[in-house]
Amino acid sequence: MSVPLSLLDLAHISEGMTARDSLDASLTLATRADELGYRRIWYAEHHNMATIASSATSVLIAHIAAHTERIRLGSGGVMLPNHAPLTIAEQFGTLATLHPDRIDLGVGRAPGTDQNTMRALRRDGSSADTFPQDVLELQGYLTGESRISGVQAVPGKGTDVPIYILGSSLFGAKLAATLGMPYSFASHFAPSALEEAVALYRREFTPSQQLDAPHVIAGVNVTAADTSQEAAEQSRRSKRRMAQQLLGRGRTLSAEEAEAALESPAGRQVLQMAKYSAVGDPGEVREYLEWFAGHADADELIVAPQAGTLEGRLRTLELVAKAMDLS
């Protein structure tokens, strides 16, 4: 398969795990992905979520980079309206200075959290309105062409850390096209606008100093196992976990309650979020990923392993790498 594969690691804190366990698991996944030939790993900024440990994205990237050799590492993404562009430029400029040509900066405009946590982050509802200007300001710091007179990012200036626009709607697609930046669509959890957004991005793309042709990364869920039955069972458990996280309304649903919730209208919406999912043995997963790459018109796929255990996620990475001839 000619389309490169990358990895999205949400640093899940599974039942019975601590945050430290989750971060240790992320390092284990990263070292194995590095060995197997995956192109990059991205970590997402989420706040006040008991099941995700990647809130301090740049800190986690620094830890992983110090223990891996060649794989690219980045954010998928930093929620830029939560931060001053200069701060992010300094953080990722430092990472790029320590680990040259290995750092990516994916940025999005969503809060990555709830309303109360937005206030705790000192963010207000209008923060996203200046996202396009903030992206340009951030880019200026990293290229050394600052848009703020007398202000430079040190480290950061001249590192040219590549910026990726993340999105799940036409807004991000249009912005990435206008700015001539690569575009990553969150089809692993927000599938509805995938085809329209990618078509708009490719149609309206304007070459830039960063990028001379469109580059699309599409997210896809993957549950690979040695047998189809085992993969199907893991996938169903993953969907129950989604129901527990999204439909619990402040309480923890039992497995039976989560299964029942999936049959409700709200549960069917949860299932729709995972519309693009490769589930099966290596042959089935390969067939699905090849189809999805064409369907998404993607230059690169970023896979989100759905197994609930570290062992299951490692097995998914290994089976996918072998099926897709990554090495």
Protein backbone atom coordinates (compact mmCIF):
# COMPACT_ATOMS: atom_id res chain seq x y z
CA MET A 1 0.00 0.00 0.00
CA SER A 2 1.48 3.34 -1.02
CA VAL A 3 -0.37 5.49 1.53
CA PRO A 4 1.74 5.89 4.70
CA LEU A 5 0.28 4.92 8.06
CA SER A 6 0.55 6.92 11.26
CA LEU A 7 -0.79 6.47 14.78
CA LEU A 8 -3.15 8.49 16.95
CA ASP A 9 -2.59 7.70 20.63
CA LEU A 10 -5.26 9.10 22.96
CA ALA A 11 -3.29 7.97 26.03
CA HIS A 12 -6.31 6.15 27.43
CA ILE A 13 -6.51 5.62 31.18
CA SER A 14 -8.37 2.32 31.18
CA GLU A 15 -10.24 0.88 34.13
CA GLY A 16 -7.81 -0.05 36.90
CA MET A 17 -5.01 2.09 35.43
CA THR A 18 -3.38 5.25 36.77
CA ALA A 19 -2.26 8.20 34.66
CA ARG A 20 1.31 6.94 35.04
CA ASP A 21 0.27 3.53 33.72
CA SER A 22 -1.27 5.25 30.70
CA LEU A 23 1.85 7.31 29.96
CA ASP A 24 4.05 4.23 30.33
CA ALA A 25 1.76 2.44 27.87
CA SER A 26 2.10 5.34 25.41
CA LEU A 27 5.86 5.01 25.53
CA THR A 28 5.62 1.26 24.89
CA LEU A 29 3.31 1.88 21.93
CA ALA A 30 5.62 4.56 20.55
CA THR A 31 8.77 2.45 20.70
CA ARG A 32 6.97 -0.41 18.96
CA ALA A 33 5.47 1.88 16.30
CA ASP A 34 8.97 3.28 15.71
CA GLU A 35 10.30 -0.23 15.13
CA LEU A 36 7.40 -1.21 12.85
CA GLY A 37 7.72 1.70 10.42
CA TYR A 38 4.79 3.97 11.22
CA ARG A 39 5.40 7.52 9.94
CA ARG A 40 4.27 9.59 12.94
CA ILE A 41 2.40 9.53 16.26
CA TRP A 42 0.10 12.31 17.35
CA TYR A 43 -1.31 13.08 20.81
CA ALA A 44 -4.48 15.07 21.41
CA GLU A 45 -5.07 17.86 23.91
CA HIS A 46 -8.02 17.06 26.18
CA HIS A 47 -8.74 18.52 29.60
CA ASN A 48 -10.65 17.35 32.66
CA MET A 49 -11.22 13.87 31.21
CA ALA A 50 -10.65 11.00 33.60
CA THR A 51 -9.89 8.58 30.76
CA ILE A 52 -7.28 10.57 28.78
CA ALA A 53 -3.75 11.47 29.98
CA SER A 54 -2.50 13.66 27.11
CA SER A 55 -3.59 17.06 28.44
CA ALA A 56 -0.02 18.46 28.51
CA THR A 57 0.65 17.50 24.91
CA SER A 58 4.09 19.04 24.44
CA VAL A 59 5.38 17.50 27.67
CA LEU A 60 4.28 14.05 26.58
CA ILE A 61 5.85 14.54 23.14
CA ALA A 62 9.16 15.49 24.80
CA HIS A 63 9.13 12.31 26.89
CA ILE A 64 8.34 10.08 23.92
CA ALA A 65 10.89 11.80 21.66
CA ALA A 66 13.67 11.21 24.18
CA HIS A 67 12.99 7.46 24.07
CA THR A 68 12.45 6.90 20.33
CA GLU A 69 14.77 7.22 17.38
CA ARG A 70 13.17 8.22 14.07
CA ILE A 71 9.37 8.35 14.20
CA ARG A 72 7.82 11.81 13.88
CA LEU A 73 5.89 13.06 16.92
CA GLY A 74 3.31 15.76 17.22
CA SER A 75 -0.03 17.07 18.33
CA GLY A 76 -3.32 15.94 16.96
CA GLY A 77 -3.88 18.47 18.11
CA VAL A 78 -3.10 21.46 20.24
CA MET A 79 -6.33 23.37 20.76
CA LEU A 80 -4.84 26.72 19.84
CA PRO A 81 -7.55 29.00 21.32
CA ASN A 82 -6.58 27.61 24.74
CA HIS A 83 -3.10 29.14 24.41
CA ALA A 84 -1.14 32.18 23.32
CA PRO A 85 0.50 31.45 19.94
CA LEU A 86 3.87 32.57 21.31
CA THR A 87 3.68 29.97 24.09
CA ILE A 88 3.01 27.15 21.61
CA ALA A 89 5.76 28.40 19.31
CA GLU A 90 8.23 28.30 22.20
CA GLN A 91 7.13 24.84 23.29
CA PHE A 92 7.26 23.26 19.85
CA GLY A 93 10.32 25.29 18.91
CA THR A 94 12.06 23.78 21.92
CA LEU A 95 10.95 20.29 20.87
CA ALA A 96 12.20 20.86 17.31
CA THR A 97 15.53 22.21 18.59
CA LEU A 98 16.04 19.11 20.72
CA HIS A 99 14.69 16.67 18.11
CA PRO A 100 15.29 18.17 14.64
CA ASP A 101 13.00 17.15 11.77
CA ARG A 102 10.85 14.97 14.01
CA ILE A 103 8.18 17.36 15.34
CA ASP A 104 4.72 18.16 13.93
CA LEU A 105 2.27 20.79 15.16
CA GLY A 106 -1.36 19.95 14.49
CA VAL A 107 -3.75 22.67 15.66
CA GLY A 108 -7.51 22.83 16.11
CA ARG A 109 -10.00 25.42 17.29
CA ALA A 110 -12.27 23.29 19.52
CA PRO A 111 -11.91 23.61 23.31
CA GLY A 112 -11.21 19.92 23.86
CA THR A 113 -13.27 20.09 27.05
CA ASP A 114 -16.48 21.33 28.71
CA GLN A 115 -17.69 24.84 29.55
CA ASN A 116 -16.52 24.84 33.18
CA THR A 117 -13.05 23.68 32.18
CA MET A 118 -12.92 26.33 29.47
CA ARG A 119 -13.32 28.91 32.22
CA ALA A 120 -10.62 27.19 34.28
CA LEU A 121 -8.34 27.51 31.24
CA ARG A 122 -9.16 31.26 31.15
CA ARG A 123 -10.74 30.79 27.75
CA ASP A 124 -13.99 32.49 26.77
CA GLY A 125 -16.53 31.63 24.11
CA SER A 126 -15.05 34.04 21.57
CA SER A 127 -11.54 32.55 21.69
CA ALA A 128 -12.09 30.51 18.53
CA ASP A 129 -13.03 33.59 16.51
CA THR A 130 -9.39 34.59 16.02
CA PHE A 131 -8.19 31.07 15.13
CA PRO A 132 -7.08 31.95 11.55
CA GLN A 133 -5.12 34.98 12.79
CA ASP A 134 -3.63 32.93 15.63
CA VAL A 135 -2.45 30.27 13.18
CA LEU A 136 -0.68 32.91 11.09
CA GLU A 137 0.87 34.48 14.19
CA LEU A 138 2.09 31.04 15.28
CA GLN A 139 3.54 30.35 11.85
CA GLY A 140 5.35 33.67 11.88
CA TYR A 141 7.12 32.84 15.12
CA LEU A 142 8.25 29.44 13.79
CA THR A 143 9.51 30.74 10.45
CA GLY A 144 11.26 33.72 11.99
CA GLU A 145 8.94 36.19 10.25
CA SER A 146 7.10 37.39 13.34
CA ARG A 147 3.88 39.33 12.85
CA ILE A 148 4.38 41.06 16.21
CA SER A 149 7.07 43.74 16.01
CA GLY A 150 10.03 43.02 18.26
CA VAL A 151 8.71 39.62 19.46
CA GLN A 152 10.48 36.37 18.59
CA ALA A 153 10.09 32.79 19.79
CA VAL A 154 13.33 31.55 21.37
CA PRO A 155 13.62 28.63 20.81
CA GLY A 156 11.30 28.49 17.82
CA LYS A 157 12.49 31.11 15.38
CA GLY A 158 13.63 29.47 12.16
CA THR A 159 12.68 25.93 13.19
CA ASP A 160 9.89 25.87 10.57
CA VAL A 161 7.90 23.29 12.51
CA PRO A 162 5.21 22.15 10.04
CA ILE A 163 1.69 23.21 11.01
CA TYR A 164 -1.26 20.96 10.21
CA ILE A 165 -4.86 22.19 10.35
CA LEU A 166 -7.15 19.72 12.09
CA GLY A 167 -10.87 19.70 11.57
CA SER A 168 -14.17 17.89 11.23
CA SER A 169 -16.03 20.49 9.19
CA LEU A 170 -15.68 22.67 6.11
CA PHE A 171 -14.19 25.53 8.14
CA GLY A 172 -10.87 23.78 8.73
CA ALA A 173 -10.75 22.49 5.17
CA LYS A 174 -11.18 25.98 3.73
CA LEU A 175 -8.63 27.49 6.11
CA ALA A 176 -6.01 24.83 5.35
CA ALA A 177 -6.59 25.33 1.62
CA THR A 178 -6.32 29.10 1.87
CA LEU A 179 -3.13 28.99 3.94
CA GLY A 180 -1.55 26.19 1.91
CA MET A 181 -1.20 23.88 4.90
CA PRO A 182 -1.73 20.12 5.24
CA TYR A 183 -5.19 19.09 6.44
CA SER A 184 -6.13 16.30 8.85
CA PHE A 185 -9.78 15.27 9.05
CA ALA A 186 -11.11 13.69 12.26
CA SER A 187 -13.08 10.97 10.49
CA HIS A 188 -12.34 8.52 13.30
CA PHE A 189 -15.02 10.22 15.43
CA ALA A 190 -16.74 12.83 13.22
CA PRO A 191 -17.30 11.14 9.85
CA SER A 192 -20.18 13.05 8.32
CA ALA A 193 -18.37 15.80 6.37
CA LEU A 194 -15.32 13.79 5.29
CA GLU A 195 -15.87 13.64 1.53
CA GLU A 196 -17.16 17.20 1.19
CA ALA A 197 -14.35 18.67 3.30
CA VAL A 198 -11.57 16.85 1.48
CA ALA A 199 -13.02 17.78 -1.92
CA LEU A 200 -13.23 21.45 -0.89
CA TYR A 201 -9.64 21.40 0.44
CA ARG A 202 -8.23 19.89 -2.74
CA ARG A 203 -10.28 22.16 -5.00
CA GLU A 204 -9.33 25.41 -3.24
CA PHE A 205 -5.76 24.59 -2.18
CA THR A 206 -3.26 27.40 -2.74
CA PRO A 207 0.45 26.44 -2.75
CA SER A 208 2.55 28.05 -0.04
CA GLN A 209 6.13 28.17 1.18
CA GLN A 210 5.29 25.28 3.52
CA LEU A 211 3.49 23.05 1.02
CA ASP A 212 3.33 23.00 -2.78
CA ALA A 213 0.50 20.44 -3.15
CA PRO A 214 -2.45 19.31 -0.99
CA HIS A 215 -1.80 16.74 1.71
CA VAL A 216 -4.73 15.00 3.40
CA ILE A 217 -4.52 12.85 6.52
CA ALA A 218 -7.69 10.94 7.43
CA GLY A 219 -8.38 9.29 10.78
CA VAL A 220 -9.71 5.73 10.96
CA ASN A 221 -10.43 3.40 13.87
CA VAL A 222 -8.72 0.02 13.76
CA THR A 223 -9.32 -3.18 15.70
CA ALA A 224 -7.12 -5.96 14.36
CA ALA A 225 -6.79 -9.41 15.87
CA ASP A 226 -5.67 -12.86 14.80
CA THR A 227 -9.26 -13.89 14.07
CA SER A 228 -12.33 -12.01 12.86
CA GLN A 229 -14.32 -13.14 15.89
CA GLU A 230 -11.73 -11.84 18.36
CA ALA A 231 -11.60 -8.49 16.55
CA ALA A 232 -15.40 -8.21 16.54
CA GLU A 233 -15.54 -8.88 20.28
CA GLN A 234 -12.86 -6.24 20.96
CA SER A 235 -14.72 -3.75 18.76
CA ARG A 236 -17.97 -4.28 20.62
CA ARG A 237 -16.21 -3.75 23.95
CA SER A 238 -14.76 -0.53 22.55
CA LYS A 239 -18.23 0.70 21.64
CA ARG A 240 -19.47 -0.11 25.13
CA ARG A 241 -16.63 2.01 26.54
CA MET A 242 -17.70 4.88 24.28
CA ALA A 243 -21.24 4.55 25.59
CA GLN A 244 -19.99 4.56 29.17
CA GLN A 245 -17.98 7.74 28.56
CA LEU A 246 -20.56 9.64 26.54
CA LEU A 247 -23.92 8.47 27.84
CA GLY A 248 -23.31 7.97 31.56
CA ARG A 249 -24.57 11.46 32.52
CA GLY A 250 -22.29 11.71 35.52
CA ARG A 251 -22.31 8.07 36.57
CA THR A 252 -20.49 4.97 35.44
CA LEU A 253 -22.61 2.60 33.38
CA SER A 254 -22.22 -1.13 33.86
CA ALA A 255 -21.37 -3.22 30.80
CA GLU A 256 -24.99 -4.33 30.61
CA GLU A 257 -26.28 -0.76 30.87
CA ALA A 258 -23.81 0.39 28.21
CA GLU A 259 -24.92 -2.40 25.88
CA ALA A 260 -28.53 -1.39 26.34
CA ALA A 261 -27.66 2.29 25.83
CA LEU A 262 -26.16 1.49 22.44
CA GLU A 263 -29.62 0.43 21.26
CA SER A 264 -31.12 3.83 22.12
CA PRO A 265 -31.26 6.79 19.70
CA ALA A 266 -28.33 8.40 21.55
CA GLY A 267 -26.46 5.11 21.37
CA ARG A 268 -26.96 4.90 17.64
CA GLN A 269 -25.37 8.34 17.38
CA VAL A 270 -22.38 7.01 19.32
CA LEU A 271 -22.11 4.11 16.89
CA GLN A 272 -22.28 6.54 13.97
CA MET A 273 -19.21 8.32 15.36
CA ALA A 274 -17.25 5.10 14.73
CA LYS A 275 -18.56 4.73 11.17
CA TYR A 276 -15.06 4.45 9.71
CA SER A 277 -13.62 1.43 11.49
CA ALA A 278 -11.44 -1.39 10.21
CA VAL A 279 -12.33 -4.50 12.22
CA GLY A 280 -11.11 -8.01 11.54
CA ASP A 281 -8.14 -10.23 10.85
CA PRO A 282 -5.13 -8.82 8.97
CA GLY A 283 -6.59 -9.52 5.54
CA GLU A 284 -9.89 -7.87 6.36
CA VAL A 285 -8.19 -4.85 7.88
CA ARG A 286 -5.94 -4.42 4.87
CA GLU A 287 -8.91 -4.56 2.51
CA TYR A 288 -10.79 -1.96 4.56
CA LEU A 289 -7.85 0.44 4.87
CA GLU A 290 -7.15 0.27 1.14
CA TRP A 291 -10.82 1.04 0.46
CA PHE A 292 -10.90 3.84 3.02
CA ALA A 293 -7.77 5.52 1.64
CA GLY A 294 -9.49 5.77 -1.72
CA HIS A 295 -12.84 6.78 -0.25
CA ALA A 296 -11.23 9.56 1.79
CA ASP A 297 -8.92 10.61 -1.07
CA ALA A 298 -6.19 10.54 1.57
CA ASP A 299 -2.44 10.90 1.18
CA GLU A 300 -1.91 9.37 4.63
CA LEU A 301 -4.00 7.48 7.18
CA ILE A 302 -3.74 7.97 10.92
CA VAL A 303 -5.06 4.92 12.76
CA ALA A 304 -6.66 4.97 16.20
CA PRO A 305 -6.31 1.52 17.82
CA GLN A 306 -9.50 0.62 19.69
CA ALA A 307 -8.44 -2.35 21.82
CA GLY A 308 -9.02 -1.76 25.52
CA THR A 309 -5.67 -3.16 26.67
CA LEU A 310 -2.07 -2.28 25.88
CA GLU A 311 -1.53 -5.82 24.65
CA GLY A 312 -4.46 -5.49 22.27
CA ARG A 313 -3.26 -2.16 20.91
CA LEU A 314 0.26 -3.52 20.40
CA ARG A 315 -1.15 -6.53 18.58
CA THR A 316 -3.21 -4.23 16.38
CA LEU A 317 -0.11 -2.21 15.46
CA GLU A 318 1.86 -5.35 14.66
CA LEU A 319 -0.86 -6.99 12.58
CA VAL A 320 -1.59 -3.80 10.64
CA ALA A 321 2.13 -3.19 9.97
CA LYS A 322 2.53 -6.72 8.65
CA ALA A 323 -0.66 -6.59 6.57
CA MET A 324 0.28 -3.22 5.05
CA ASP A 325 3.98 -4.09 4.49
CA LEU A 326 5.28 -1.13 6.49
CA SER A 327 8.75 -2.46 7.19
